[in-house]
Amino acid sequence: IYTLSLHDALPICVSSMMAEDQVGGTGNLQAAEPGTSYSLEELALEMLIHSDNTATNLIIERLGGLSAVQAKIQSFGYQDTRLQRLMMDQVAIAEGRENFTSAREVGQLLAKLYQHKLVGKEQDQIFLDYLAQQTDRQGLVASLPQGVISYNKTGTNSTQGLQHDAALVQLTNQSAYVLVVLQEGPGDGDLLKPLQEIGQQANADRKSVV
């Protein structure tokens, strides 16, 4: 994986029928004008705060592709997490190639991030600053009172009945707690409510120890 500047510009390529890099699902870039250029910083923000599938795919490709990113994941010691396809790759999905992670490894990543032990102090803080701008706050952090600092990343696929949320909630300047919930259920089930209930209980527990 090459070292890249967050301000490097990356154009969205176009094909004769549709922009070949633009995919559906969540995110704003699927409706952007083909040929528009975005910096890596802009793509990272779209990926993290809007779960933008197009931005995610562009970053994966810019970093060297699936194999290169997976090798980096493993170099961090994560064995449960496997990146085996791009977002919204229907051919790969039909072939049974899926992406996997575990609540344990996501929680470990968030803890290392908060401790500035993931990549480096500056890089980890940039990551946290991005997560703090998350727009989807209807799950684990929905019940947090105003002023409580939190960082979260959601993941939703209504077709597969997936609704995930991972949150890092700051208690004081020195301490925080991590919540990770990965859910798979019926496509018409309400998977948001369990996230809210778990977050509410954790917030109640937080009040009892602060």
Protein backbone atom coordinates (compact mmCIF):
# COMPACT_ATOMS: atom_id res chain seq x y z
CA ILE A 1 0.00 0.00 0.00
CA TYR A 2 1.43 3.34 -1.03
CA THR A 3 1.63 6.39 1.20
CA LEU A 4 -0.94 8.89 -0.05
CA SER A 5 -1.79 12.45 0.82
CA LEU A 6 -5.33 13.08 1.99
CA HIS A 7 -5.43 15.97 -0.46
CA ASP A 8 -4.61 13.86 -3.54
CA ALA A 9 -7.36 14.33 -6.13
CA LEU A 10 -8.98 11.22 -7.57
CA PRO A 11 -11.29 11.48 -10.63
CA ILE A 12 -14.41 9.34 -11.01
CA CYS A 13 -14.03 7.48 -14.33
CA VAL A 14 -16.91 7.28 -16.79
CA SER A 15 -18.00 4.66 -19.30
CA SER A 16 -20.18 5.08 -22.40
CA MET A 17 -23.36 4.08 -20.57
CA MET A 18 -22.80 4.99 -16.94
CA ALA A 19 -20.01 5.98 -14.61
CA GLU A 20 -18.26 2.64 -14.08
CA ASP A 21 -17.16 3.50 -10.57
CA GLN A 22 -20.51 4.78 -9.36
CA VAL A 23 -22.55 2.19 -7.47
CA GLY A 24 -25.88 2.24 -5.67
CA GLY A 25 -26.85 1.69 -2.09
CA THR A 26 -25.95 4.43 0.35
CA GLY A 27 -23.98 7.59 -0.35
CA ASN A 28 -24.05 10.80 -2.35
CA LEU A 29 -21.46 10.09 -5.03
CA GLN A 30 -23.76 7.77 -6.97
CA ALA A 31 -25.66 10.88 -8.06
CA ALA A 32 -22.59 13.07 -8.64
CA GLU A 33 -21.58 14.33 -12.07
CA PRO A 34 -19.30 11.74 -13.73
CA GLY A 35 -15.76 13.01 -14.06
CA THR A 36 -15.88 15.01 -10.84
CA SER A 37 -12.61 14.92 -8.91
CA TYR A 38 -12.44 14.32 -5.16
CA SER A 39 -9.53 14.42 -2.75
CA LEU A 40 -8.88 11.36 -0.63
CA GLU A 41 -9.98 13.45 2.36
CA GLU A 42 -13.36 14.08 0.73
CA LEU A 43 -13.74 10.41 -0.16
CA ALA A 44 -12.83 9.31 3.36
CA LEU A 45 -15.41 11.66 4.83
CA GLU A 46 -18.11 10.41 2.45
CA MET A 47 -17.20 6.82 3.28
CA LEU A 48 -17.30 7.34 7.04
CA ILE A 49 -20.15 9.78 7.62
CA HIS A 50 -22.50 8.80 4.78
CA SER A 51 -21.44 5.15 4.29
CA ASP A 52 -20.83 6.03 0.64
CA ASN A 53 -20.26 2.83 -1.34
CA THR A 54 -18.74 4.60 -4.34
CA ALA A 55 -16.26 6.46 -2.14
CA THR A 56 -15.35 3.24 -0.36
CA ASN A 57 -14.63 1.44 -3.64
CA LEU A 58 -12.55 4.32 -4.97
CA ILE A 59 -10.41 4.33 -1.84
CA ILE A 60 -9.93 0.56 -1.95
CA GLU A 61 -8.79 0.75 -5.56
CA ARG A 62 -6.52 3.75 -4.85
CA LEU A 63 -4.85 1.79 -2.05
CA GLY A 64 -4.00 -1.07 -4.38
CA GLY A 65 -7.16 -3.15 -4.48
CA LEU A 66 -8.78 -5.81 -2.32
CA SER A 67 -5.66 -7.94 -1.78
CA ALA A 68 -3.52 -5.00 -0.70
CA VAL A 69 -6.13 -3.72 1.74
CA GLN A 70 -6.71 -7.21 3.15
CA ALA A 71 -2.97 -7.65 3.65
CA LYS A 72 -2.90 -4.40 5.61
CA ILE A 73 -5.86 -5.52 7.73
CA GLN A 74 -4.02 -8.73 8.59
CA SER A 75 -0.82 -6.82 9.37
CA PHE A 76 -2.75 -5.13 12.18
CA GLY A 77 -3.49 -8.58 13.60
CA TYR A 78 -7.16 -8.78 12.62
CA GLN A 79 -8.04 -12.33 11.59
CA ASP A 80 -11.86 -12.21 11.62
CA THR A 81 -12.05 -9.25 9.23
CA ARG A 82 -11.97 -10.20 5.55
CA LEU A 83 -12.42 -7.86 2.57
CA GLN A 84 -13.34 -10.11 -0.35
CA ARG A 85 -15.36 -7.86 -2.65
CA LEU A 86 -16.08 -4.26 -3.47
CA MET A 87 -19.28 -2.62 -2.26
CA MET A 88 -22.41 -3.49 -4.27
CA ASP A 89 -20.53 -6.01 -6.44
CA GLN A 90 -23.50 -8.17 -7.38
CA VAL A 91 -21.40 -10.68 -9.32
CA ALA A 92 -19.17 -11.32 -6.31
CA ILE A 93 -22.22 -11.58 -4.05
CA ALA A 94 -23.77 -14.18 -6.38
CA GLU A 95 -20.50 -16.12 -6.23
CA GLY A 96 -20.66 -16.14 -2.43
CA ARG A 97 -17.80 -13.69 -1.85
CA GLU A 98 -18.74 -11.60 1.16
CA ASN A 99 -17.01 -9.22 3.56
CA PHE A 100 -16.79 -10.20 7.21
CA THR A 101 -15.75 -8.74 10.54
CA SER A 102 -16.45 -9.37 14.22
CA ALA A 103 -17.65 -7.20 17.07
CA ARG A 104 -14.44 -8.03 18.91
CA GLU A 105 -12.15 -6.74 16.18
CA VAL A 106 -14.18 -3.62 15.52
CA GLY A 107 -14.11 -2.89 19.25
CA GLN A 108 -10.36 -3.46 19.38
CA LEU A 109 -9.87 -1.06 16.50
CA LEU A 110 -11.94 1.67 18.17
CA ALA A 111 -10.08 1.22 21.46
CA LYS A 112 -6.68 1.49 19.74
CA LEU A 113 -7.92 4.49 17.82
CA TYR A 114 -8.94 6.30 20.99
CA GLN A 115 -5.60 5.45 22.60
CA HIS A 116 -3.76 6.68 19.47
CA LYS A 117 -2.17 3.25 19.09
CA LEU A 118 -3.63 2.26 15.71
CA VAL A 119 -1.48 4.09 13.14
CA GLY A 120 -0.08 7.18 14.81
CA LYS A 121 -1.26 10.04 16.99
CA GLU A 122 -1.91 12.47 14.12
CA GLN A 123 -3.52 9.91 11.82
CA ASP A 124 -5.67 8.43 14.57
CA GLN A 125 -6.94 11.86 15.59
CA ILE A 126 -7.91 12.62 11.98
CA PHE A 127 -9.86 9.35 11.93
CA LEU A 128 -11.64 10.30 15.17
CA ASP A 129 -12.42 13.78 13.86
CA TYR A 130 -14.08 12.21 10.82
CA LEU A 131 -16.12 9.78 12.91
CA ALA A 132 -17.31 12.67 15.09
CA GLN A 133 -19.07 14.06 11.99
CA GLN A 134 -21.17 10.91 11.52
CA THR A 135 -24.64 11.74 10.22
CA ASP A 136 -26.35 8.47 11.20
CA ARG A 137 -26.81 8.71 14.95
CA GLN A 138 -30.13 6.89 15.30
CA GLY A 139 -28.71 3.75 16.89
CA LEU A 140 -26.31 3.26 19.80
CA VAL A 141 -25.69 6.96 20.45
CA ALA A 142 -29.27 8.19 19.95
CA SER A 143 -29.95 8.57 23.69
CA LEU A 144 -26.74 10.37 24.61
CA PRO A 145 -27.35 13.79 26.13
CA GLN A 146 -26.16 16.87 24.32
CA GLY A 147 -22.51 17.60 24.97
CA VAL A 148 -21.35 14.00 25.33
CA ILE A 149 -18.62 13.33 22.78
CA SER A 150 -19.09 10.19 20.72
CA TYR A 151 -17.76 8.63 17.55
CA ASN A 152 -19.68 5.98 15.64
CA LYS A 153 -19.87 4.11 12.34
CA THR A 154 -22.96 2.35 11.09
CA GLY A 155 -23.48 -0.29 8.43
CA THR A 156 -26.84 -1.16 6.91
CA ASN A 157 -28.03 -3.50 4.17
CA SER A 158 -31.81 -3.82 4.14
CA THR A 159 -31.73 -6.52 1.45
CA GLN A 160 -29.64 -8.81 3.63
CA GLY A 161 -31.26 -7.68 6.88
CA LEU A 162 -28.07 -6.20 8.30
CA GLN A 163 -27.91 -3.29 10.72
CA HIS A 164 -24.69 -2.64 12.57
CA ASP A 165 -23.37 0.12 14.75
CA ALA A 166 -20.04 0.65 16.48
CA ALA A 167 -19.64 3.51 18.93
CA LEU A 168 -16.93 5.03 21.06
CA VAL A 169 -18.32 7.24 23.82
CA GLN A 170 -16.06 9.54 25.79
CA LEU A 171 -16.64 9.60 29.54
CA THR A 172 -13.87 12.03 30.50
CA ASN A 173 -10.76 13.32 28.80
CA GLN A 174 -8.99 10.15 29.88
CA SER A 175 -11.57 7.40 29.52
CA ALA A 176 -14.23 6.09 27.15
CA TYR A 177 -16.28 3.00 26.47
CA VAL A 178 -16.84 1.05 23.27
CA LEU A 179 -20.08 -0.55 22.09
CA VAL A 180 -20.28 -2.75 18.99
CA VAL A 181 -23.47 -4.48 17.83
CA LEU A 182 -23.60 -6.50 14.60
CA GLN A 183 -27.10 -7.69 13.68
CA GLU A 184 -28.60 -9.90 11.01
CA GLY A 185 -32.34 -10.48 10.91
CA PRO A 186 -35.44 -10.57 8.71
CA GLY A 187 -35.50 -7.93 6.00
CA ASP A 188 -38.69 -6.43 7.45
CA GLY A 189 -37.57 -6.58 11.08
CA ASP A 190 -36.92 -3.52 13.21
CA LEU A 191 -33.21 -3.81 13.93
CA LEU A 192 -32.85 -0.17 14.91
CA LYS A 193 -34.78 -0.57 18.17
CA PRO A 194 -32.32 -3.07 19.73
CA LEU A 195 -29.45 -0.69 18.97
CA GLN A 196 -31.30 2.14 20.68
CA GLU A 197 -32.14 0.00 23.71
CA ILE A 198 -28.55 -1.19 24.12
CA GLY A 199 -27.27 2.36 23.77
CA GLN A 200 -29.79 3.63 26.29
CA GLN A 201 -28.78 0.98 28.82
CA ALA A 202 -25.10 1.75 28.33
CA ASN A 203 -25.83 5.43 28.84
CA ALA A 204 -27.65 4.63 32.08
CA ASP A 205 -24.69 2.56 33.24
CA ARG A 206 -22.39 5.44 32.28
CA LYS A 207 -24.27 7.80 34.60
CA SER A 208 -23.84 5.41 37.49
CA VAL A 209 -20.05 5.30 37.20
CA VAL A 210 -19.15 8.85 36.18
